[in-house]
Amino acid sequence: MSIKVEILKQADPACDEFLKSRSDATIYHTYGWNEVVKRTYNYKLYYLVARDGQAVRGLLPLAYVRSVLFGNRMVSQAHSNYGGPVTDFSQAIDCL
């Protein structure tokens, strides 16, 4: 298996189907939620997708947050307690 990671530029139904199949996924992992955060807070967002061929094997939504108090940083799911990668394959976690 060869896992490749890409930054998603638009919603992908395959990612939605992958998230529906995972019990550890939340609404905060969806591309749609990332768009809400982007429009609301004007954050730069990165929606990482790990694929094995065409199959989605993992997702990691990230937001670049600038803060005078905490500094500039990348976080998985700004303004949410739920984040981190969602994968079905350990190699995908390492790649994300």
PDB file of N, CA and C in Angstrom:
ATOM      1  N   MET A   1       0.833  -1.185   0.000  1.00  0.00           N
ATOM      2  CA  MET A   1       0.000   0.000   0.000  1.00  0.00           C
ATOM      3  C   MET A   1       0.874   1.243   0.000  1.00  0.00           C
ATOM      4  N   SER A   2       0.406   2.226  -0.728  1.00  0.00           N
ATOM      5  CA  SER A   2       1.128   3.485  -0.801  1.00  0.00           C
ATOM      6  C   SER A   2       0.163   4.615  -0.461  1.00  0.00           C
ATOM      7  N   ILE A   3       0.350   5.216   0.698  1.00  0.00           N
ATOM      8  CA  ILE A   3      -0.517   6.294   1.146  1.00  0.00           C
ATOM      9  C   ILE A   3       0.017   7.618   0.617  1.00  0.00           C
ATOM     10  N   LYS A   4      -0.851   8.377   0.004  1.00  0.00           N
ATOM     11  CA  LYS A   4      -0.509   9.723  -0.462  1.00  0.00           C
ATOM     12  C   LYS A   4      -1.449  10.702   0.223  1.00  0.00           C
ATOM     13  N   VAL A   5      -0.901  11.850   0.637  1.00  0.00           N
ATOM     14  CA  VAL A   5      -1.685  12.877   1.322  1.00  0.00           C
ATOM     15  C   VAL A   5      -1.850  14.074   0.396  1.00  0.00           C
ATOM     16  N   GLU A   6      -3.071  14.586   0.351  1.00  0.00           N
ATOM     17  CA  GLU A   6      -3.353  15.775  -0.435  1.00  0.00           C
ATOM     18  C   GLU A   6      -4.126  16.769   0.421  1.00  0.00           C
ATOM     19  N   ILE A   7      -4.056  18.029   0.035  1.00  0.00           N
ATOM     20  CA  ILE A   7      -4.878  19.066   0.661  1.00  0.00           C
ATOM     21  C   ILE A   7      -6.108  19.225  -0.217  1.00  0.00           C
ATOM     22  N   LEU A   8      -7.253  18.938   0.345  1.00  0.00           N
ATOM     23  CA  LEU A   8      -8.505  19.007  -0.399  1.00  0.00           C
ATOM     24  C   LEU A   8      -8.889  20.462  -0.646  1.00  0.00           C
ATOM     25  N   LYS A   9      -9.276  20.776  -1.857  1.00  0.00           N
ATOM     26  CA  LYS A   9      -9.648  22.145  -2.238  1.00  0.00           C
ATOM     27  C   LYS A   9     -11.162  22.347  -2.294  1.00  0.00           C
ATOM     28  N   GLN A  10     -11.911  21.256  -2.341  1.00  0.00           N
ATOM     29  CA  GLN A  10     -13.367  21.330  -2.379  1.00  0.00           C
ATOM     30  C   GLN A  10     -13.929  20.051  -1.763  1.00  0.00           C
ATOM     31  N   ALA A  11     -15.194  20.092  -1.407  1.00  0.00           N
ATOM     32  CA  ALA A  11     -15.835  18.936  -0.789  1.00  0.00           C
ATOM     33  C   ALA A  11     -15.724  17.714  -1.692  1.00  0.00           C
ATOM     34  N   ASP A  12     -15.545  16.556  -1.081  1.00  0.00           N
ATOM     35  CA  ASP A  12     -15.420  15.298  -1.809  1.00  0.00           C
ATOM     36  C   ASP A  12     -16.375  14.288  -1.178  1.00  0.00           C
ATOM     37  N   PRO A  13     -17.355  13.798  -1.925  1.00  0.00           N
ATOM     38  CA  PRO A  13     -18.308  12.835  -1.369  1.00  0.00           C
ATOM     39  C   PRO A  13     -17.642  11.593  -0.784  1.00  0.00           C
ATOM     40  N   ALA A  14     -16.492  11.192  -1.314  1.00  0.00           N
ATOM     41  CA  ALA A  14     -15.785  10.021  -0.774  1.00  0.00           C
ATOM     42  C   ALA A  14     -15.345  10.266   0.669  1.00  0.00           C
ATOM     43  N   CYS A  15     -14.993  11.497   0.982  1.00  0.00           N
ATOM     44  CA  CYS A  15     -14.599  11.834   2.357  1.00  0.00           C
ATOM     45  C   CYS A  15     -15.804  11.764   3.292  1.00  0.00           C
ATOM     46  N   ASP A  16     -16.950  12.255   2.816  1.00  0.00           N
ATOM     47  CA  ASP A  16     -18.167  12.180   3.621  1.00  0.00           C
ATOM     48  C   ASP A  16     -18.547  10.728   3.899  1.00  0.00           C
ATOM     49  N   GLU A  17     -18.436   9.881   2.895  1.00  0.00           N
ATOM     50  CA  GLU A  17     -18.752   8.458   3.073  1.00  0.00           C
ATOM     51  C   GLU A  17     -17.778   7.808   4.049  1.00  0.00           C
ATOM     52  N   PHE A  18     -16.523   8.168   3.954  1.00  0.00           N
ATOM     53  CA  PHE A  18     -15.531   7.632   4.886  1.00  0.00           C
ATOM     54  C   PHE A  18     -15.885   8.020   6.320  1.00  0.00           C
ATOM     55  N   LEU A  19     -16.223   9.283   6.538  1.00  0.00           N
ATOM     56  CA  LEU A  19     -16.564   9.744   7.884  1.00  0.00           C
ATOM     57  C   LEU A  19     -17.809   9.050   8.414  1.00  0.00           C
ATOM     58  N   LYS A  20     -18.783   8.795   7.560  1.00  0.00           N
ATOM     59  CA  LYS A  20     -20.003   8.087   7.991  1.00  0.00           C
ATOM     60  C   LYS A  20     -19.690   6.673   8.470  1.00  0.00           C
ATOM     61  N   SER A  21     -18.634   6.090   7.941  1.00  0.00           N
ATOM     62  CA  SER A  21     -18.273   4.712   8.304  1.00  0.00           C
ATOM     63  C   SER A  21     -17.451   4.624   9.588  1.00  0.00           C
ATOM     64  N   ARG A  22     -17.054   5.754  10.130  1.00  0.00           N
ATOM     65  CA  ARG A  22     -16.159   5.767  11.294  1.00  0.00           C
ATOM     66  C   ARG A  22     -16.901   6.208  12.551  1.00  0.00           C
ATOM     67  N   SER A  23     -16.855   5.401  13.579  1.00  0.00           N
ATOM     68  CA  SER A  23     -17.528   5.749  14.838  1.00  0.00           C
ATOM     69  C   SER A  23     -16.795   6.855  15.594  1.00  0.00           C
ATOM     70  N   ASP A  24     -15.526   7.088  15.281  1.00  0.00           N
ATOM     71  CA  ASP A  24     -14.755   8.127  15.971  1.00  0.00           C
ATOM     72  C   ASP A  24     -14.819   9.484  15.256  1.00  0.00           C
ATOM     73  N   ALA A  25     -15.546   9.569  14.156  1.00  0.00           N
ATOM     74  CA  ALA A  25     -15.674  10.830  13.421  1.00  0.00           C
ATOM     75  C   ALA A  25     -16.787  11.675  14.025  1.00  0.00           C
ATOM     76  N   THR A  26     -16.615  12.982  13.924  1.00  0.00           N
ATOM     77  CA  THR A  26     -17.634  13.919  14.406  1.00  0.00           C
ATOM     78  C   THR A  26     -17.956  14.910  13.293  1.00  0.00           C
ATOM     79  N   ILE A  27     -18.961  15.714  13.514  1.00  0.00           N
ATOM     80  CA  ILE A  27     -19.300  16.760  12.545  1.00  0.00           C
ATOM     81  C   ILE A  27     -18.118  17.710  12.348  1.00  0.00           C
ATOM     82  N   TYR A  28     -17.286  17.839  13.366  1.00  0.00           N
ATOM     83  CA  TYR A  28     -16.144  18.746  13.301  1.00  0.00           C
ATOM     84  C   TYR A  28     -15.060  18.267  12.342  1.00  0.00           C
ATOM     85  N   HIS A  29     -15.135  17.024  11.898  1.00  0.00           N
ATOM     86  CA  HIS A  29     -14.181  16.491  10.929  1.00  0.00           C
ATOM     87  C   HIS A  29     -14.630  16.726   9.492  1.00  0.00           C
ATOM     88  N   THR A  30     -15.836  17.207   9.271  1.00  0.00           N
ATOM     89  CA  THR A  30     -16.360  17.337   7.910  1.00  0.00           C
ATOM     90  C   THR A  30     -15.819  18.584   7.208  1.00  0.00           C
ATOM     91  N   TYR A  31     -15.775  18.502   5.903  1.00  0.00           N
ATOM     92  CA  TYR A  31     -15.344  19.637   5.089  1.00  0.00           C
ATOM     93  C   TYR A  31     -16.297  20.811   5.279  1.00  0.00           C
ATOM     94  N   GLY A  32     -17.578  20.510   5.388  1.00  0.00           N
ATOM     95  CA  GLY A  32     -18.584  21.554   5.583  1.00  0.00           C
ATOM     96  C   GLY A  32     -18.361  22.349   6.857  1.00  0.00           C
ATOM     97  N   TRP A  33     -18.013  21.671   7.944  1.00  0.00           N
ATOM     98  CA  TRP A  33     -17.733  22.373   9.194  1.00  0.00           C
ATOM     99  C   TRP A  33     -16.509  23.269   9.033  1.00  0.00           C
ATOM    100  N   ASN A  34     -15.514  22.780   8.322  1.00  0.00           N
ATOM    101  CA  ASN A  34     -14.324  23.591   8.070  1.00  0.00           C
ATOM    102  C   ASN A  34     -14.673  24.859   7.312  1.00  0.00           C
ATOM    103  N   GLU A  35     -15.603  24.773   6.388  1.00  0.00           N
ATOM    104  CA  GLU A  35     -16.025  25.961   5.642  1.00  0.00           C
ATOM    105  C   GLU A  35     -16.721  26.960   6.573  1.00  0.00           C
ATOM    106  N   VAL A  36     -17.502  26.471   7.520  1.00  0.00           N
ATOM    107  CA  VAL A  36     -18.153  27.356   8.496  1.00  0.00           C
ATOM    108  C   VAL A  36     -17.101  28.092   9.317  1.00  0.00           C
ATOM    109  N   VAL A  37     -16.103  27.368   9.798  1.00  0.00           N
ATOM    110  CA  VAL A  37     -15.024  27.975  10.588  1.00  0.00           C
ATOM    111  C   VAL A  37     -14.260  28.988   9.747  1.00  0.00           C
ATOM    112  N   LYS A  38     -13.990  28.647   8.503  1.00  0.00           N
ATOM    113  CA  LYS A  38     -13.255  29.542   7.599  1.00  0.00           C
ATOM    114  C   LYS A  38     -14.009  30.860   7.407  1.00  0.00           C
ATOM    115  N   ARG A  39     -15.308  30.777   7.131  1.00  0.00           N
ATOM    116  CA  ARG A  39     -16.103  31.988   6.901  1.00  0.00           C
ATOM    117  C   ARG A  39     -16.310  32.789   8.180  1.00  0.00           C
ATOM    118  N   THR A  40     -16.474  32.109   9.303  1.00  0.00           N
ATOM    119  CA  THR A  40     -16.754  32.789  10.567  1.00  0.00           C
ATOM    120  C   THR A  40     -15.524  33.486  11.129  1.00  0.00           C
ATOM    121  N   TYR A  41     -14.387  32.810  11.134  1.00  0.00           N
ATOM    122  CA  TYR A  41     -13.188  33.332  11.793  1.00  0.00           C
ATOM    123  C   TYR A  41     -12.095  33.784  10.831  1.00  0.00           C
ATOM    124  N   ASN A  42     -12.312  33.581   9.537  1.00  0.00           N
ATOM    125  CA  ASN A  42     -11.332  33.961   8.525  1.00  0.00           C
ATOM    126  C   ASN A  42      -9.989  33.261   8.738  1.00  0.00           C
ATOM    127  N   TYR A  43     -10.040  32.002   9.157  1.00  0.00           N
ATOM    128  CA  TYR A  43      -8.819  31.204   9.314  1.00  0.00           C
ATOM    129  C   TYR A  43      -8.430  30.592   7.976  1.00  0.00           C
ATOM    130  N   LYS A  44      -7.140  30.352   7.821  1.00  0.00           N
ATOM    131  CA  LYS A  44      -6.665  29.577   6.683  1.00  0.00           C
ATOM    132  C   LYS A  44      -6.780  28.111   7.089  1.00  0.00           C
ATOM    133  N   LEU A  45      -7.472  27.334   6.269  1.00  0.00           N
ATOM    134  CA  LEU A  45      -7.738  25.938   6.614  1.00  0.00           C
ATOM    135  C   LEU A  45      -7.049  24.986   5.654  1.00  0.00           C
ATOM    136  N   TYR A  46      -6.683  23.851   6.197  1.00  0.00           N
ATOM    137  CA  TYR A  46      -6.065  22.773   5.430  1.00  0.00           C
ATOM    138  C   TYR A  46      -6.812  21.495   5.780  1.00  0.00           C
ATOM    139  N   TYR A  47      -7.420  20.867   4.778  1.00  0.00           N
ATOM    140  CA  TYR A  47      -8.170  19.638   4.984  1.00  0.00           C
ATOM    141  C   TYR A  47      -7.359  18.520   4.344  1.00  0.00           C
ATOM    142  N   LEU A  48      -6.586  17.813   5.167  1.00  0.00           N
ATOM    143  CA  LEU A  48      -5.690  16.778   4.663  1.00  0.00           C
ATOM    144  C   LEU A  48      -6.433  15.459   4.492  1.00  0.00           C
ATOM    145  N   VAL A  49      -6.206  14.822   3.362  1.00  0.00           N
ATOM    146  CA  VAL A  49      -6.832  13.539   3.048  1.00  0.00           C
ATOM    147  C   VAL A  49      -5.741  12.540   2.688  1.00  0.00           C
ATOM    148  N   ALA A  50      -5.727  11.414   3.379  1.00  0.00           N
ATOM    149  CA  ALA A  50      -4.796  10.330   3.068  1.00  0.00           C
ATOM    150  C   ALA A  50      -5.540   9.311   2.213  1.00  0.00           C
ATOM    151  N   ARG A  51      -4.954   8.960   1.079  1.00  0.00           N
ATOM    152  CA  ARG A  51      -5.586   8.010   0.164  1.00  0.00           C
ATOM    153  C   ARG A  51      -4.625   6.876  -0.178  1.00  0.00           C
ATOM    154  N   ASP A  52      -5.228   5.725  -0.362  1.00  0.00           N
ATOM    155  CA  ASP A  52      -4.538   4.567  -0.924  1.00  0.00           C
ATOM    156  C   ASP A  52      -5.195   4.352  -2.277  1.00  0.00           C
ATOM    157  N   GLY A  53      -4.546   4.839  -3.320  1.00  0.00           N
ATOM    158  CA  GLY A  53      -5.211   4.880  -4.626  1.00  0.00           C
ATOM    159  C   GLY A  53      -6.331   5.908  -4.551  1.00  0.00           C
ATOM    160  N   GLN A  54      -7.556   5.492  -4.850  1.00  0.00           N
ATOM    161  CA  GLN A  54      -8.715   6.379  -4.746  1.00  0.00           C
ATOM    162  C   GLN A  54      -9.415   6.254  -3.397  1.00  0.00           C
ATOM    163  N   ALA A  55      -9.067   5.240  -2.617  1.00  0.00           N
ATOM    164  CA  ALA A  55      -9.741   4.992  -1.344  1.00  0.00           C
ATOM    165  C   ALA A  55      -9.265   5.966  -0.264  1.00  0.00           C
ATOM    166  N   VAL A  56     -10.212   6.602   0.407  1.00  0.00           N
ATOM    167  CA  VAL A  56      -9.884   7.481   1.533  1.00  0.00           C
ATOM    168  C   VAL A  56      -9.536   6.598   2.727  1.00  0.00           C
ATOM    169  N   ARG A  57      -8.370   6.839   3.316  1.00  0.00           N
ATOM    170  CA  ARG A  57      -7.924   6.058   4.475  1.00  0.00           C
ATOM    171  C   ARG A  57      -7.787   6.909   5.733  1.00  0.00           C
ATOM    172  N   GLY A  58      -7.838   8.246   5.579  1.00  0.00           N
ATOM    173  CA  GLY A  58      -7.745   9.109   6.741  1.00  0.00           C
ATOM    174  C   GLY A  58      -7.970  10.565   6.388  1.00  0.00           C
ATOM    175  N   LEU A  59      -8.378  11.334   7.406  1.00  0.00           N
ATOM    176  CA  LEU A  59      -8.628  12.768   7.259  1.00  0.00           C
ATOM    177  C   LEU A  59      -8.065  13.506   8.461  1.00  0.00           C
ATOM    178  N   LEU A  60      -7.581  14.708   8.222  1.00  0.00           N
ATOM    179  CA  LEU A  60      -7.119  15.569   9.309  1.00  0.00           C
ATOM    180  C   LEU A  60      -7.393  17.020   8.950  1.00  0.00           C
ATOM    181  N   PRO A  61      -8.439  17.608   9.536  1.00  0.00           N
ATOM    182  CA  PRO A  61      -8.708  19.026   9.309  1.00  0.00           C
ATOM    183  C   PRO A  61      -7.814  19.886  10.207  1.00  0.00           C
ATOM    184  N   LEU A  62      -7.208  20.909   9.620  1.00  0.00           N
ATOM    185  CA  LEU A  62      -6.321  21.798  10.366  1.00  0.00           C
ATOM    186  C   LEU A  62      -6.687  23.252  10.104  1.00  0.00           C
ATOM    187  N   ALA A  63      -6.488  24.089  11.100  1.00  0.00           N
ATOM    188  CA  ALA A  63      -6.708  25.531  10.969  1.00  0.00           C
ATOM    189  C   ALA A  63      -5.464  26.252  11.454  1.00  0.00           C
ATOM    190  N   TYR A  64      -5.058  27.271  10.700  1.00  0.00           N
ATOM    191  CA  TYR A  64      -3.942  28.120  11.117  1.00  0.00           C
ATOM    192  C   TYR A  64      -4.546  29.275  11.907  1.00  0.00           C
ATOM    193  N   VAL A  65      -4.230  29.319  13.184  1.00  0.00           N
ATOM    194  CA  VAL A  65      -4.822  30.293  14.100  1.00  0.00           C
ATOM    195  C   VAL A  65      -3.748  31.280  14.544  1.00  0.00           C
ATOM    196  N   ARG A  66      -4.063  32.556  14.419  1.00  0.00           N
ATOM    197  CA  ARG A  66      -3.166  33.613  14.896  1.00  0.00           C
ATOM    198  C   ARG A  66      -3.755  34.177  16.184  1.00  0.00           C
ATOM    199  N   SER A  67      -2.912  34.286  17.196  1.00  0.00           N
ATOM    200  CA  SER A  67      -3.380  34.792  18.479  1.00  0.00           C
ATOM    201  C   SER A  67      -2.270  35.604  19.145  1.00  0.00           C
ATOM    202  N   VAL A  68      -2.601  36.781  19.588  1.00  0.00           N
ATOM    203  CA  VAL A  68      -1.638  37.597  20.331  1.00  0.00           C
ATOM    204  C   VAL A  68      -1.290  36.892  21.640  1.00  0.00           C
ATOM    205  N   LEU A  69      -2.273  36.277  22.247  1.00  0.00           N
ATOM    206  CA  LEU A  69      -2.083  35.621  23.536  1.00  0.00           C
ATOM    207  C   LEU A  69      -1.328  34.300  23.424  1.00  0.00           C
ATOM    208  N   PHE A  70      -1.695  33.459  22.447  1.00  0.00           N
ATOM    209  CA  PHE A  70      -1.126  32.115  22.350  1.00  0.00           C
ATOM    210  C   PHE A  70      -0.135  31.940  21.204  1.00  0.00           C
ATOM    211  N   GLY A  71       0.004  32.942  20.355  1.00  0.00           N
ATOM    212  CA  GLY A  71       0.909  32.836  19.218  1.00  0.00           C
ATOM    213  C   GLY A  71       0.239  32.189  18.019  1.00  0.00           C
ATOM    214  N   ASN A  72       0.977  32.085  16.934  1.00  0.00           N
ATOM    215  CA  ASN A  72       0.475  31.462  15.715  1.00  0.00           C
ATOM    216  C   ASN A  72       0.674  29.955  15.814  1.00  0.00           C
ATOM    217  N   ARG A  73      -0.369  29.197  15.400  1.00  0.00           N
ATOM    218  CA  ARG A  73      -0.266  27.743  15.520  1.00  0.00           C
ATOM    219  C   ARG A  73      -1.263  27.058  14.609  1.00  0.00           C
ATOM    220  N   MET A  74      -0.969  25.802  14.321  1.00  0.00           N
ATOM    221  CA  MET A  74      -1.897  24.949  13.582  1.00  0.00           C
ATOM    222  C   MET A  74      -2.625  24.094  14.604  1.00  0.00           C
ATOM    223  N   VAL A  75      -3.941  24.066  14.499  1.00  0.00           N
ATOM    224  CA  VAL A  75      -4.740  23.241  15.399  1.00  0.00           C
ATOM    225  C   VAL A  75      -5.722  22.412  14.579  1.00  0.00           C
ATOM    226  N   SER A  76      -6.035  21.254  15.116  1.00  0.00           N
ATOM    227  CA  SER A  76      -7.078  20.453  14.507  1.00  0.00           C
ATOM    228  C   SER A  76      -8.383  20.850  15.168  1.00  0.00           C
ATOM    229  N   GLN A  77      -9.194  21.516  14.413  1.00  0.00           N
ATOM    230  CA  GLN A  77     -10.509  21.969  14.828  1.00  0.00           C
ATOM    231  C   GLN A  77     -10.474  23.078  15.866  1.00  0.00           C
ATOM    232  N   ALA A  78     -10.310  24.259  15.361  1.00  0.00           N
ATOM    233  CA  ALA A  78     -10.362  25.458  16.196  1.00  0.00           C
ATOM    234  C   ALA A  78     -11.764  25.607  16.782  1.00  0.00           C
ATOM    235  N   HIS A  79     -11.834  26.024  18.012  1.00  0.00           N
ATOM    236  CA  HIS A  79     -13.102  26.270  18.711  1.00  0.00           C
ATOM    237  C   HIS A  79     -13.943  25.009  18.865  1.00  0.00           C
ATOM    238  N   SER A  80     -13.290  23.892  19.045  1.00  0.00           N
ATOM    239  CA  SER A  80     -13.980  22.620  19.237  1.00  0.00           C
ATOM    240  C   SER A  80     -13.134  21.736  20.146  1.00  0.00           C
ATOM    241  N   ASN A  81     -13.789  20.899  20.909  1.00  0.00           N
ATOM    242  CA  ASN A  81     -13.070  19.950  21.761  1.00  0.00           C
ATOM    243  C   ASN A  81     -12.749  18.657  21.027  1.00  0.00           C
ATOM    244  N   TYR A  82     -13.255  18.513  19.832  1.00  0.00           N
ATOM    245  CA  TYR A  82     -13.077  17.282  19.076  1.00  0.00           C
ATOM    246  C   TYR A  82     -12.227  17.563  17.858  1.00  0.00           C
ATOM    247  N   GLY A  83     -11.169  16.820  17.695  1.00  0.00           N
ATOM    248  CA  GLY A  83     -10.308  17.014  16.538  1.00  0.00           C
ATOM    249  C   GLY A  83      -9.358  15.855  16.391  1.00  0.00           C
ATOM    250  N   GLY A  84      -8.299  16.077  15.680  1.00  0.00           N
ATOM    251  CA  GLY A  84      -7.324  15.036  15.442  1.00  0.00           C
ATOM    252  C   GLY A  84      -7.669  14.233  14.205  1.00  0.00           C
ATOM    253  N   PRO A  85      -6.805  13.299  13.864  1.00  0.00           N
ATOM    254  CA  PRO A  85      -7.037  12.507  12.657  1.00  0.00           C
ATOM    255  C   PRO A  85      -8.125  11.459  12.855  1.00  0.00           C
ATOM    256  N   VAL A  86      -8.777  11.132  11.754  1.00  0.00           N
ATOM    257  CA  VAL A  86      -9.705  10.001  11.697  1.00  0.00           C
ATOM    258  C   VAL A  86      -9.150   9.089  10.613  1.00  0.00           C
ATOM    259  N   THR A  87      -8.761   7.878  10.992  1.00  0.00           N
ATOM    260  CA  THR A  87      -8.176   6.964  10.013  1.00  0.00           C
ATOM    261  C   THR A  87      -8.681   5.539  10.258  1.00  0.00           C
ATOM    262  N   ASP A  88      -8.484   4.720   9.246  1.00  0.00           N
ATOM    263  CA  ASP A  88      -8.770   3.289   9.397  1.00  0.00           C
ATOM    264  C   ASP A  88      -7.521   2.457   9.126  1.00  0.00           C
ATOM    265  N   PHE A  89      -6.369   3.129   9.148  1.00  0.00           N
ATOM    266  CA  PHE A  89      -5.117   2.460   8.789  1.00  0.00           C
ATOM    267  C   PHE A  89      -3.973   3.183   9.481  1.00  0.00           C
ATOM    268  N   SER A  90      -3.168   2.462  10.239  1.00  0.00           N
ATOM    269  CA  SER A  90      -2.120   3.095  11.048  1.00  0.00           C
ATOM    270  C   SER A  90      -1.101   3.874  10.209  1.00  0.00           C
ATOM    271  N   GLN A  91      -0.803   3.416   9.016  1.00  0.00           N
ATOM    272  CA  GLN A  91       0.150   4.130   8.167  1.00  0.00           C
ATOM    273  C   GLN A  91      -0.402   5.499   7.770  1.00  0.00           C
ATOM    274  N   ALA A  92      -1.708   5.627   7.673  1.00  0.00           N
ATOM    275  CA  ALA A  92      -2.313   6.918   7.326  1.00  0.00           C
ATOM    276  C   ALA A  92      -2.078   7.938   8.429  1.00  0.00           C
ATOM    277  N   ILE A  93      -2.115   7.510   9.693  1.00  0.00           N
ATOM    278  CA  ILE A  93      -1.853   8.414  10.807  1.00  0.00           C
ATOM    279  C   ILE A  93      -0.439   8.991  10.687  1.00  0.00           C
ATOM    280  N   ASP A  94       0.523   8.139  10.399  1.00  0.00           N
ATOM    281  CA  ASP A  94       1.902   8.603  10.257  1.00  0.00           C
ATOM    282  C   ASP A  94       2.053   9.599   9.113  1.00  0.00           C
ATOM    283  N   CYS A  95       1.327   9.407   8.048  1.00  0.00           N
ATOM    284  CA  CYS A  95       1.418  10.285   6.881  1.00  0.00           C
ATOM    285  C   CYS A  95       0.743  11.635   7.130  1.00  0.00           C
ATOM    286  N   LEU A  96      -0.339  11.622   7.896  1.00  0.00           N
ATOM    287  CA  LEU A  96      -1.049  12.880   8.159  1.00  0.00           C
ATOM    288  C   LEU A  96      -0.259  13.711   9.158  1.00  0.00           C
TER     289      LEU A  96
END
